[in-house]
C-alpha atoms as a PDB file:
ATOM      1  CA  MET A   1     134.771 158.853 109.388  1.00  0.00           C
ATOM      2  CA  LYS A   2     136.004 161.662 111.669  1.00  0.00           C
ATOM      3  CA  LYS A   3     133.807 164.133 109.824  1.00  0.00           C
ATOM      4  CA  ALA A   4     130.764 161.843 110.229  1.00  0.00           C
ATOM      5  CA  VAL A   5     131.414 161.405 113.964  1.00  0.00           C
ATOM      6  CA  ALA A   6     131.756 165.174 114.359  1.00  0.00           C
ATOM      7  CA  LEU A   7     128.445 165.750 112.601  1.00  0.00           C
ATOM      8  CA  ILE A   8     126.729 163.178 114.837  1.00  0.00           C
ATOM      9  CA  MET A   9     128.163 164.859 117.952  1.00  0.00           C
ATOM     10  CA  VAL A  10     126.943 168.276 116.783  1.00  0.00           C
ATOM     11  CA  ALA A  11     123.471 166.859 116.147  1.00  0.00           C
ATOM     12  CA  LEU A  12     123.385 165.220 119.584  1.00  0.00           C
ATOM     13  CA  LEU A  13     124.443 168.451 121.249  1.00  0.00           C
ATOM     14  CA  ALA A  14     121.735 170.351 119.371  1.00  0.00           C
ATOM     15  CA  VAL A  15     119.062 167.846 120.399  1.00  0.00           C
ATOM     16  CA  THR A  16     120.269 167.916 124.006  1.00  0.00           C
ATOM     17  CA  SER A  17     120.203 171.715 123.990  1.00  0.00           C
ATOM     18  CA  LEU A  18     116.703 171.821 122.564  1.00  0.00           C
ATOM     19  CA  PHE A  19     115.497 169.254 125.096  1.00  0.00           C
ATOM     20  CA  ALA A  20     117.033 171.213 127.968  1.00  0.00           C
ATOM     21  CA  GLN A  21     115.536 174.430 126.645  1.00  0.00           C
ATOM     22  CA  GLY A  22     112.095 172.815 126.291  1.00  0.00           C
ATOM     23  CA  SER A  23     112.321 171.347 129.794  1.00  0.00           C
ATOM     24  CA  GLY A  24     113.263 174.744 131.146  1.00  0.00           C
ATOM     25  CA  GLU A  25     110.306 176.364 129.413  1.00  0.00           C
ATOM     26  CA  LYS A  26     107.954 173.725 130.802  1.00  0.00           C
ATOM     27  CA  THR A  27     109.363 174.187 134.302  1.00  0.00           C
ATOM     28  CA  GLU A  28     109.057 177.961 134.002  1.00  0.00           C
ATOM     29  CA  LYS A  29     105.505 177.615 132.704  1.00  0.00           C
ATOM     30  CA  ALA A  30     104.556 175.246 135.494  1.00  0.00           C
ATOM     31  CA  ALA A  31     106.063 177.541 138.095  1.00  0.00           C
ATOM     32  CA  LYS A  32     104.258 180.664 136.840  1.00  0.00           C
ATOM     33  CA  PRO A  33     101.441 181.458 139.276  1.00  0.00           C
ATOM     34  CA  PHE A  34      97.826 181.890 138.301  1.00  0.00           C
ATOM     35  CA  GLU A  35      96.779 185.531 138.613  1.00  0.00           C
ATOM     36  CA  ILE A  36      93.521 186.788 140.124  1.00  0.00           C
ATOM     37  CA  VAL A  37      92.690 190.490 139.829  1.00  0.00           C
ATOM     38  CA  ILE A  38      90.120 192.135 142.111  1.00  0.00           C
ATOM     39  CA  GLY A  39      88.707 195.512 141.087  1.00  0.00           C
ATOM     40  CA  HIS A  40      86.218 197.536 143.148  1.00  0.00           C
ATOM     41  CA  ILE A  41      84.850 201.064 143.587  1.00  0.00           C
ATOM     42  CA  VAL A  42      85.635 201.920 147.239  1.00  0.00           C
ATOM     43  CA  ASP A  43      88.737 203.305 148.952  1.00  0.00           C
ATOM     44  CA  GLU A  44      91.442 201.563 150.937  1.00  0.00           C
ATOM     45  CA  ASN A  45      89.708 202.140 154.291  1.00  0.00           C
ATOM     46  CA  ASN A  46      86.438 200.496 153.313  1.00  0.00           C
ATOM     47  CA  THR A  47      85.583 197.061 154.700  1.00  0.00           C
ATOM     48  CA  TRP A  48      85.303 195.675 151.157  1.00  0.00           C
ATOM     49  CA  HIS A  49      88.911 196.553 150.456  1.00  0.00           C
ATOM     50  CA  LEU A  50      90.133 195.193 153.787  1.00  0.00           C
ATOM     51  CA  ALA A  51      88.271 191.962 153.041  1.00  0.00           C
ATOM     52  CA  SER A  52      89.945 191.860 149.606  1.00  0.00           C
ATOM     53  CA  LEU A  53      93.339 191.985 151.292  1.00  0.00           C
ATOM     54  CA  LYS A  54      92.265 189.149 153.607  1.00  0.00           C
ATOM     55  CA  PHE A  55      91.255 187.095 150.555  1.00  0.00           C
ATOM     56  CA  LYS A  56      94.654 187.790 148.984  1.00  0.00           C
ATOM     57  CA  GLU A  57      96.446 186.698 152.160  1.00  0.00           C
ATOM     58  CA  ILE A  58      94.475 183.459 152.469  1.00  0.00           C
ATOM     59  CA  VAL A  59      94.633 182.443 148.818  1.00  0.00           C
ATOM     60  CA  GLU A  60      98.341 183.132 148.385  1.00  0.00           C
ATOM     61  CA  GLN A  61      99.181 181.300 151.603  1.00  0.00           C
ATOM     62  CA  GLU A  62      96.924 178.281 151.051  1.00  0.00           C
ATOM     63  CA  SER A  63      98.039 177.895 147.435  1.00  0.00           C
ATOM     64  CA  ALA A  64     101.708 178.116 148.454  1.00  0.00           C
ATOM     65  CA  GLY A  65     102.198 180.899 145.956  1.00  0.00           C
ATOM     66  CA  ARG A  66     100.515 179.132 143.033  1.00  0.00           C
ATOM     67  CA  ILE A  67      97.995 181.981 142.927  1.00  0.00           C
ATOM     68  CA  LYS A  68      98.917 185.662 142.971  1.00  0.00           C
ATOM     69  CA  VAL A  69      96.126 188.121 143.899  1.00  0.00           C
ATOM     70  CA  THR A  70      96.241 191.818 142.981  1.00  0.00           C
ATOM     71  CA  VAL A  71      93.671 194.291 144.337  1.00  0.00           C
ATOM     72  CA  TYR A  72      92.737 197.556 142.607  1.00  0.00           C
ATOM     73  CA  PRO A  73      90.511 199.844 144.757  1.00  0.00           C
ATOM     74  CA  ASN A  74      89.003 203.267 144.038  1.00  0.00           C
ATOM     75  CA  ASN A  75      87.694 202.668 140.502  1.00  0.00           C
ATOM     76  CA  GLN A  76      91.243 202.088 139.255  1.00  0.00           C
ATOM     77  CA  LEU A  77      89.901 199.508 136.789  1.00  0.00           C
ATOM     78  CA  GLY A  78      86.805 201.557 135.997  1.00  0.00           C
ATOM     79  CA  SER A  79      83.242 201.830 137.268  1.00  0.00           C
ATOM     80  CA  GLU A  80      81.323 198.836 138.598  1.00  0.00           C
ATOM     81  CA  ILE A  81      79.719 198.290 135.180  1.00  0.00           C
ATOM     82  CA  GLU A  82      83.071 198.552 133.416  1.00  0.00           C
ATOM     83  CA  VAL A  83      84.701 196.032 135.774  1.00  0.00           C
ATOM     84  CA  ILE A  84      81.822 193.600 135.243  1.00  0.00           C
ATOM     85  CA  GLN A  85      82.305 193.894 131.482  1.00  0.00           C
ATOM     86  CA  SER A  86      86.044 193.352 131.911  1.00  0.00           C
ATOM     87  CA  ILE A  87      85.414 190.166 133.883  1.00  0.00           C
ATOM     88  CA  LEU A  88      82.899 188.764 131.433  1.00  0.00           C
ATOM     89  CA  THR A  89      84.977 189.557 128.341  1.00  0.00           C
ATOM     90  CA  GLY A  90      88.373 188.494 129.707  1.00  0.00           C
ATOM     91  CA  GLY A  91      89.539 192.085 129.873  1.00  0.00           C
ATOM     92  CA  GLY A  92      91.800 191.663 132.901  1.00  0.00           C
ATOM     93  CA  ALA A  93      89.608 191.803 135.998  1.00  0.00           C
ATOM     94  CA  ASP A  94      88.465 188.569 137.652  1.00  0.00           C
ATOM     95  CA  ILE A  95      86.535 189.459 140.830  1.00  0.00           C
ATOM     96  CA  THR A  96      84.354 192.394 141.868  1.00  0.00           C
ATOM     97  CA  PHE A  97      81.501 193.192 144.248  1.00  0.00           C
ATOM     98  CA  THR A  98      78.135 193.586 142.559  1.00  0.00           C
ATOM     99  CA  GLY A  99      74.480 192.656 142.637  1.00  0.00           C
ATOM    100  CA  GLU A 100      71.659 194.470 140.885  1.00  0.00           C
ATOM    101  CA  SER A 101      74.030 195.758 138.201  1.00  0.00           C
ATOM    102  CA  MET A 102      74.090 192.201 136.850  1.00  0.00           C
ATOM    103  CA  GLN A 103      70.485 192.629 135.668  1.00  0.00           C
ATOM    104  CA  THR A 104      71.891 193.432 132.214  1.00  0.00           C
ATOM    105  CA  TYR A 105      72.919 189.775 131.974  1.00  0.00           C
ATOM    106  CA  SER A 106      70.054 188.243 133.973  1.00  0.00           C
ATOM    107  CA  GLU A 107      67.048 190.544 134.375  1.00  0.00           C
ATOM    108  CA  GLU A 108      65.718 188.997 137.595  1.00  0.00           C
ATOM    109  CA  LEU A 109      68.811 190.192 139.493  1.00  0.00           C
ATOM    110  CA  GLY A 110      67.455 193.723 139.277  1.00  0.00           C
ATOM    111  CA  ILE A 111      65.135 192.784 142.149  1.00  0.00           C
ATOM    112  CA  ILE A 112      68.095 193.284 144.520  1.00  0.00           C
ATOM    113  CA  GLY A 113      67.439 197.012 144.012  1.00  0.00           C
ATOM    114  CA  MET A 114      63.720 196.861 144.894  1.00  0.00           C
ATOM    115  CA  PRO A 115      62.933 199.585 147.488  1.00  0.00           C
ATOM    116  CA  TYR A 116      61.513 198.435 150.820  1.00  0.00           C
ATOM    117  CA  ALA A 117      61.436 194.759 149.742  1.00  0.00           C
ATOM    118  CA  ILE A 118      63.728 193.935 152.675  1.00  0.00           C
ATOM    119  CA  THR A 119      63.041 195.709 155.942  1.00  0.00           C
ATOM    120  CA  SER A 120      65.380 193.993 158.407  1.00  0.00           C
ATOM    121  CA  ASP A 121      68.761 192.297 158.642  1.00  0.00           C
ATOM    122  CA  ALA A 122      67.020 189.108 159.791  1.00  0.00           C
ATOM    123  CA  GLN A 123      64.943 188.994 156.602  1.00  0.00           C
ATOM    124  CA  MET A 124      68.058 189.545 154.507  1.00  0.00           C
ATOM    125  CA  GLU A 125      69.796 186.674 156.270  1.00  0.00           C
ATOM    126  CA  ARG A 126      66.825 184.379 155.624  1.00  0.00           C
ATOM    127  CA  LEU A 127      66.918 185.372 151.984  1.00  0.00           C
ATOM    128  CA  LEU A 128      70.628 184.821 151.434  1.00  0.00           C
ATOM    129  CA  ASP A 129      70.708 181.504 153.307  1.00  0.00           C
ATOM    130  CA  GLY A 130      67.511 180.087 151.830  1.00  0.00           C
ATOM    131  CA  GLU A 131      65.961 179.000 148.528  1.00  0.00           C
ATOM    132  CA  VAL A 132      65.650 182.546 147.192  1.00  0.00           C
ATOM    133  CA  GLY A 133      69.358 183.065 147.781  1.00  0.00           C
ATOM    134  CA  GLN A 134      70.156 179.857 145.896  1.00  0.00           C
ATOM    135  CA  GLU A 135      67.953 180.994 143.028  1.00  0.00           C
ATOM    136  CA  LEU A 136      69.728 184.352 142.839  1.00  0.00           C
ATOM    137  CA  GLU A 137      73.150 182.693 142.883  1.00  0.00           C
ATOM    138  CA  SER A 138      72.034 180.476 139.999  1.00  0.00           C
ATOM    139  CA  LEU A 139      71.015 183.604 138.109  1.00  0.00           C
ATOM    140  CA  MET A 140      74.449 185.113 138.772  1.00  0.00           C
ATOM    141  CA  LEU A 141      76.037 181.970 137.339  1.00  0.00           C
ATOM    142  CA  LYS A 142      73.719 182.181 134.329  1.00  0.00           C
ATOM    143  CA  GLY A 143      75.073 185.694 133.811  1.00  0.00           C
ATOM    144  CA  GLY A 144      78.669 184.448 133.897  1.00  0.00           C
ATOM    145  CA  MET A 145      79.556 185.102 137.542  1.00  0.00           C
ATOM    146  CA  ARG A 146      80.263 182.571 140.286  1.00  0.00           C
ATOM    147  CA  VAL A 147      79.244 183.742 143.762  1.00  0.00           C
ATOM    148  CA  LEU A 148      81.987 183.295 146.372  1.00  0.00           C
ATOM    149  CA  GLY A 149      80.061 185.020 149.163  1.00  0.00           C
ATOM    150  CA  ALA A 150      78.165 188.218 149.922  1.00  0.00           C
ATOM    151  CA  PHE A 151      78.626 191.488 151.800  1.00  0.00           C
ATOM    152  CA  THR A 152      75.450 192.741 153.436  1.00  0.00           C
ATOM    153  CA  ARG A 153      75.008 196.494 153.474  1.00  0.00           C
ATOM    154  CA  GLY A 154      73.338 198.968 155.779  1.00  0.00           C
ATOM    155  CA  PRO A 155      70.129 200.669 154.650  1.00  0.00           C
ATOM    156  CA  ARG A 156      70.440 203.410 152.037  1.00  0.00           C
ATOM    157  CA  ASN A 157      69.582 206.992 152.986  1.00  0.00           C
ATOM    158  CA  ILE A 158      69.340 210.248 151.060  1.00  0.00           C
ATOM    159  CA  THR A 159      71.926 212.988 151.619  1.00  0.00           C
ATOM    160  CA  SER A 160      71.146 216.613 150.791  1.00  0.00           C
ATOM    161  CA  ASN A 161      71.766 220.243 151.663  1.00  0.00           C
ATOM    162  CA  LYS A 162      68.179 220.732 152.793  1.00  0.00           C
ATOM    163  CA  PRO A 163      66.073 218.552 155.100  1.00  0.00           C
ATOM    164  CA  ILE A 164      63.950 215.942 153.314  1.00  0.00           C
ATOM    165  CA  ASN A 165      60.955 215.209 155.547  1.00  0.00           C
ATOM    166  CA  SER A 166      58.486 213.868 152.997  1.00  0.00           C
ATOM    167  CA  PRO A 167      58.379 212.726 149.358  1.00  0.00           C
ATOM    168  CA  SER A 168      57.073 216.174 148.375  1.00  0.00           C
ATOM    169  CA  ASP A 169      60.430 217.658 149.431  1.00  0.00           C
ATOM    170  CA  LEU A 170      62.018 215.696 146.580  1.00  0.00           C
ATOM    171  CA  ARG A 171      60.097 217.462 143.795  1.00  0.00           C
ATOM    172  CA  GLY A 172      62.642 218.682 141.269  1.00  0.00           C
ATOM    173  CA  PHE A 173      65.494 217.312 143.406  1.00  0.00           C
ATOM    174  CA  ILE A 174      68.334 216.049 141.196  1.00  0.00           C
ATOM    175  CA  ILE A 175      69.598 212.891 142.873  1.00  0.00           C
ATOM    176  CA  ARG A 176      72.372 210.566 141.838  1.00  0.00           C
ATOM    177  CA  THR A 177      71.300 206.939 141.720  1.00  0.00           C
ATOM    178  CA  PRO A 178      72.975 203.736 140.546  1.00  0.00           C
ATOM    179  CA  GLN A 179      72.041 202.440 137.096  1.00  0.00           C
ATOM    180  CA  SER A 180      68.978 200.669 138.462  1.00  0.00           C
ATOM    181  CA  PRO A 181      65.576 201.017 136.743  1.00  0.00           C
ATOM    182  CA  MET A 182      63.873 200.305 140.077  1.00  0.00           C
ATOM    183  CA  THR A 183      65.697 203.037 141.965  1.00  0.00           C
ATOM    184  CA  VAL A 184      65.052 205.463 139.119  1.00  0.00           C
ATOM    185  CA  ALA A 185      61.332 204.602 139.064  1.00  0.00           C
ATOM    186  CA  ALA A 186      61.074 204.958 142.853  1.00  0.00           C
ATOM    187  CA  PHE A 187      62.486 208.467 142.884  1.00  0.00           C
ATOM    188  CA  GLN A 188      60.557 209.542 139.801  1.00  0.00           C
ATOM    189  CA  SER A 189      57.363 208.581 141.612  1.00  0.00           C
ATOM    190  CA  MET A 190      58.297 211.097 144.313  1.00  0.00           C
ATOM    191  CA  GLY A 191      58.877 213.877 141.809  1.00  0.00           C
ATOM    192  CA  ALA A 192      62.691 213.742 141.968  1.00  0.00           C
ATOM    193  CA  LYS A 193      65.004 213.785 138.966  1.00  0.00           C
ATOM    194  CA  PRO A 194      67.150 210.634 139.329  1.00  0.00           C
ATOM    195  CA  THR A 195      70.475 210.778 137.499  1.00  0.00           C
ATOM    196  CA  PRO A 196      72.389 207.476 137.168  1.00  0.00           C
ATOM    197  CA  MET A 197      76.101 208.045 137.654  1.00  0.00           C
ATOM    198  CA  ALA A 198      79.231 206.057 138.560  1.00  0.00           C
ATOM    199  CA  PHE A 199      80.118 206.308 142.249  1.00  0.00           C
ATOM    200  CA  GLY A 200      83.508 207.827 141.486  1.00  0.00           C
ATOM    201  CA  GLU A 201      81.852 210.846 139.848  1.00  0.00           C
ATOM    202  CA  VAL A 202      79.461 211.683 142.691  1.00  0.00           C
ATOM    203  CA  PHE A 203      81.659 213.842 144.947  1.00  0.00           C
ATOM    204  CA  THR A 204      82.681 216.224 142.160  1.00  0.00           C
ATOM    205  CA  SER A 205      79.100 216.413 140.874  1.00  0.00           C
ATOM    206  CA  LEU A 206      77.864 217.359 144.346  1.00  0.00           C
ATOM    207  CA  GLN A 207      80.681 219.846 144.773  1.00  0.00           C
ATOM    208  CA  GLN A 208      79.903 221.534 141.459  1.00  0.00           C
ATOM    209  CA  GLY A 209      76.131 221.526 141.979  1.00  0.00           C
ATOM    210  CA  VAL A 210      75.450 219.208 139.042  1.00  0.00           C
ATOM    211  CA  ILE A 211      73.288 217.137 141.394  1.00  0.00           C
ATOM    212  CA  ASP A 212      71.492 218.090 144.618  1.00  0.00           C
ATOM    213  CA  GLY A 213      72.040 214.869 146.528  1.00  0.00           C
ATOM    214  CA  GLN A 214      72.633 211.142 146.425  1.00  0.00           C
ATOM    215  CA  GLU A 215      71.586 207.978 148.269  1.00  0.00           C
ATOM    216  CA  ASN A 216      73.800 205.311 149.830  1.00  0.00           C
ATOM    217  CA  PRO A 217      74.434 203.362 153.029  1.00  0.00           C
ATOM    218  CA  LEU A 218      76.257 205.242 155.785  1.00  0.00           C
ATOM    219  CA  ALA A 219      79.497 203.395 155.012  1.00  0.00           C
ATOM    220  CA  MET A 220      79.473 204.668 151.428  1.00  0.00           C
ATOM    221  CA  ILE A 221      78.541 208.178 152.571  1.00  0.00           C
ATOM    222  CA  LYS A 222      81.663 208.120 154.702  1.00  0.00           C
ATOM    223  CA  THR A 223      83.811 206.461 152.034  1.00  0.00           C
ATOM    224  CA  GLY A 224      82.732 209.040 149.459  1.00  0.00           C
ATOM    225  CA  GLY A 225      83.599 211.942 151.767  1.00  0.00           C
ATOM    226  CA  PHE A 226      80.107 213.335 151.211  1.00  0.00           C
ATOM    227  CA  SER A 227      80.133 215.074 154.605  1.00  0.00           C
ATOM    228  CA  GLU A 228      82.317 217.700 152.935  1.00  0.00           C
ATOM    229  CA  VAL A 229      79.613 218.621 150.408  1.00  0.00           C
ATOM    230  CA  GLN A 230      76.317 217.497 152.018  1.00  0.00           C
ATOM    231  CA  LYS A 231      74.739 218.652 155.273  1.00  0.00           C
ATOM    232  CA  TYR A 232      71.890 216.214 155.943  1.00  0.00           C
ATOM    233  CA  VAL A 233      71.390 212.465 156.137  1.00  0.00           C
ATOM    234  CA  ASN A 234      67.667 211.868 155.658  1.00  0.00           C
ATOM    235  CA  VAL A 235      66.849 208.492 157.217  1.00  0.00           C
ATOM    236  CA  THR A 236      64.575 207.017 154.551  1.00  0.00           C
ATOM    237  CA  GLU A 237      66.154 203.536 154.721  1.00  0.00           C
ATOM    238  CA  HIS A 238      64.586 202.938 151.317  1.00  0.00           C
ATOM    239  CA  LEU A 239      66.776 199.992 150.351  1.00  0.00           C
ATOM    240  CA  ARG A 240      68.503 197.200 152.242  1.00  0.00           C
ATOM    241  CA  ALA A 241      70.614 195.087 149.971  1.00  0.00           C
ATOM    242  CA  TRP A 242      73.909 193.266 149.536  1.00  0.00           C
ATOM    243  CA  VAL A 243      76.655 192.809 146.993  1.00  0.00           C
ATOM    244  CA  TYR A 244      77.998 189.480 145.869  1.00  0.00           C
ATOM    245  CA  ILE A 245      81.678 188.582 145.852  1.00  0.00           C
ATOM    246  CA  ALA A 246      81.487 187.715 142.167  1.00  0.00           C
ATOM    247  CA  MET A 247      84.152 185.902 140.176  1.00  0.00           C
ATOM    248  CA  GLY A 248      84.049 185.333 136.434  1.00  0.00           C
ATOM    249  CA  GLU A 249      83.008 181.729 135.852  1.00  0.00           C
ATOM    250  CA  ALA A 250      85.395 181.366 132.922  1.00  0.00           C
ATOM    251  CA  LYS A 251      88.305 182.388 135.128  1.00  0.00           C
ATOM    252  CA  PHE A 252      87.158 180.076 137.917  1.00  0.00           C
ATOM    253  CA  GLN A 253      86.969 177.120 135.537  1.00  0.00           C
ATOM    254  CA  SER A 254      90.493 177.877 134.263  1.00  0.00           C
ATOM    255  CA  LEU A 255      91.907 176.960 137.699  1.00  0.00           C
ATOM    256  CA  PRO A 256      92.840 173.395 138.694  1.00  0.00           C
ATOM    257  CA  ALA A 257      90.296 171.723 140.992  1.00  0.00           C
ATOM    258  CA  ASP A 258      92.425 172.088 144.139  1.00  0.00           C
ATOM    259  CA  LEU A 259      92.890 175.817 143.526  1.00  0.00           C
ATOM    260  CA  GLN A 260      89.173 176.229 142.855  1.00  0.00           C
ATOM    261  CA  GLN A 261      88.493 174.852 146.326  1.00  0.00           C
ATOM    262  CA  ILE A 262      91.016 177.235 147.875  1.00  0.00           C
ATOM    263  CA  VAL A 263      89.251 180.168 146.181  1.00  0.00           C
ATOM    264  CA  LEU A 264      85.811 178.967 147.331  1.00  0.00           C
ATOM    265  CA  ASP A 265      86.978 178.535 150.928  1.00  0.00           C
ATOM    266  CA  ALA A 266      88.724 181.920 150.899  1.00  0.00           C
ATOM    267  CA  GLY A 267      85.520 183.535 149.629  1.00  0.00           C
ATOM    268  CA  LYS A 268      83.599 182.274 152.660  1.00  0.00           C
ATOM    269  CA  GLU A 269      86.353 183.442 155.010  1.00  0.00           C
ATOM    270  CA  MET A 270      86.377 186.798 153.234  1.00  0.00           C
ATOM    271  CA  GLU A 271      82.618 187.125 153.755  1.00  0.00           C
ATOM    272  CA  ALA A 272      82.844 186.332 157.478  1.00  0.00           C
ATOM    273  CA  TYR A 273      85.796 188.691 157.971  1.00  0.00           C
ATOM    274  CA  GLU A 274      84.035 191.597 156.227  1.00  0.00           C
ATOM    275  CA  HIS A 275      80.843 191.013 158.217  1.00  0.00           C
ATOM    276  CA  GLU A 276      82.727 191.366 161.493  1.00  0.00           C
ATOM    277  CA  LEU A 277      84.257 194.628 160.265  1.00  0.00           C
ATOM    278  CA  TYR A 278      80.871 195.816 158.993  1.00  0.00           C
ATOM    279  CA  LEU A 279      79.119 195.208 162.326  1.00  0.00           C
ATOM    280  CA  ALA A 280      81.864 196.974 164.276  1.00  0.00           C
ATOM    281  CA  GLU A 281      81.824 199.934 161.883  1.00  0.00           C
ATOM    282  CA  GLU A 282      78.046 200.235 161.558  1.00  0.00           C
ATOM    283  CA  ASN A 283      77.715 201.095 165.250  1.00  0.00           C
ATOM    284  CA  GLN A 284      80.112 204.015 164.855  1.00  0.00           C
ATOM    285  CA  LEU A 285      79.203 205.485 161.463  1.00  0.00           C
ATOM    286  CA  LYS A 286      76.378 207.752 162.635  1.00  0.00           C
ATOM    287  CA  GLU A 287      78.554 209.321 165.328  1.00  0.00           C
ATOM    288  CA  GLN A 288      81.431 209.729 162.878  1.00  0.00           C
ATOM    289  CA  LEU A 289      79.244 211.497 160.313  1.00  0.00           C
ATOM    290  CA  ILE A 290      77.746 213.749 162.994  1.00  0.00           C
ATOM    291  CA  ALA A 291      81.262 214.594 164.149  1.00  0.00           C
ATOM    292  CA  ALA A 292      82.049 215.458 160.520  1.00  0.00           C
ATOM    293  CA  GLY A 293      79.229 218.003 160.546  1.00  0.00           C
ATOM    294  CA  MET A 294      76.236 216.098 159.167  1.00  0.00           C
ATOM    295  CA  GLN A 295      72.763 216.241 160.698  1.00  0.00           C
ATOM    296  CA  PHE A 296      70.410 213.249 160.727  1.00  0.00           C
ATOM    297  CA  VAL A 297      66.778 213.859 159.818  1.00  0.00           C
ATOM    298  CA  ALA A 298      64.326 211.264 161.188  1.00  0.00           C
ATOM    299  CA  VAL A 299      61.478 210.946 158.688  1.00  0.00           C
ATOM    300  CA  ASP A 300      58.107 209.257 158.678  1.00  0.00           C
ATOM    301  CA  GLN A 301      58.992 206.449 156.290  1.00  0.00           C
ATOM    302  CA  ALA A 302      55.400 205.369 155.520  1.00  0.00           C
ATOM    303  CA  PRO A 303      54.801 207.951 152.727  1.00  0.00           C
ATOM    304  CA  PHE A 304      58.177 207.036 151.166  1.00  0.00           C
ATOM    305  CA  VAL A 305      57.236 203.339 151.248  1.00  0.00           C
ATOM    306  CA  GLU A 306      53.881 204.006 149.600  1.00  0.00           C
ATOM    307  CA  LYS A 307      55.295 206.215 146.841  1.00  0.00           C
ATOM    308  CA  ALA A 308      58.313 204.033 146.104  1.00  0.00           C
ATOM    309  CA  ILE A 309      56.464 200.732 145.837  1.00  0.00           C
ATOM    310  CA  ALA A 310      53.650 202.272 143.779  1.00  0.00           C
ATOM    311  CA  GLY A 311      56.230 203.687 141.407  1.00  0.00           C
ATOM    312  CA  VAL A 312      58.263 200.513 140.993  1.00  0.00           C
ATOM    313  CA  LEU A 313      55.691 197.705 140.812  1.00  0.00           C
ATOM    314  CA  PRO A 314      54.554 198.690 137.287  1.00  0.00           C
ATOM    315  CA  VAL A 315      58.109 198.430 135.898  1.00  0.00           C
ATOM    316  CA  LEU A 316      58.772 194.918 137.252  1.00  0.00           C
ATOM    317  CA  THR A 317      58.932 192.136 134.713  1.00  0.00           C
ATOM    318  CA  PRO A 318      56.873 188.994 135.482  1.00  0.00           C
ATOM    319  CA  LYS A 319      60.045 187.175 136.584  1.00  0.00           C
ATOM    320  CA  GLN A 320      61.068 190.055 138.852  1.00  0.00           C
ATOM    321  CA  ARG A 321      57.549 190.226 140.306  1.00  0.00           C
ATOM    322  CA  ALA A 322      57.672 186.518 141.163  1.00  0.00           C
ATOM    323  CA  LEU A 323      60.968 187.008 143.013  1.00  0.00           C
ATOM    324  CA  TYR A 324      59.628 190.102 144.780  1.00  0.00           C
ATOM    325  CA  GLU A 325      56.717 188.092 146.161  1.00  0.00           C
ATOM    326  CA  LYS A 326      59.109 185.395 147.416  1.00  0.00           C
ATOM    327  CA  ILE A 327      61.262 188.040 149.136  1.00  0.00           C
ATOM    328  CA  THR A 328      58.380 189.834 150.838  1.00  0.00           C
ATOM    329  CA  ALA A 329      57.046 186.474 152.042  1.00  0.00           C
ATOM    330  CA  LEU A 330      60.197 186.193 154.176  1.00  0.00           C
ATOM    331  CA  LYS A 331      59.244 189.210 156.329  1.00  0.00           C
END
């Protein structure tokens, strides 16, 4: 009898121990925060990065620590294309800033890179806030990315070590471009030799003479430190565009509904915060680049418009052409 009672007691203790252990594991699992990883291509002083930190602050505070946000700037997780692939394949990243590069997953999104389609900030605002903007966000979702907001960008200009006054000055000019068929076609039509390249490789390529120049908004020219290796900013303003705050849809759907709402709200606050920083910075960038030794070349943009559009229209797919006509109708 004593032996039987002892065996029963041992069994009860074992069950109790297992129950306690299981409860502890459940509690630990429940307490473990969801993780959101942001990866982007710019440095810690860029408005995109500062907005990422604002997003982190808001999300972690509003979720009471149930979400932990980690931000990796400066291509630490790879190029823009590589981070997109990481997001879509569950490779570790969850949010990045992108637009036309998503054309691989939804071809119409390439229209974001159409030269001279948007010619003013007011037109861009009408686009993003209207039916065309909704259509583009649906295309992002089709490609696997949920749009949390958007960062508008200043117009893109060409930097060089010689003045570029007309398209003919670009003949034989090796210029770094993003991996955008439209940008490539536009510069080919001017006689240039466009060379797609990740942003993180541009400075060294300019320094070593692998390329002659590049094209970007003033903020990216400053971020890239191109004033150290380029003398001129040629004011072509050939592209006005934006990047989406893009989160992998699979990751978004993995969050509980209340945390999804926190992320959505934080995305809108992130967008508004970055826009304030962008406006304040945009007014100072030209003076800062001049102070760094760069010279601004005012060009007659009409010949650039004519060449660029003539070069790109033939490469548009029917779906891209339809979107292009909707965008230009907003002028």
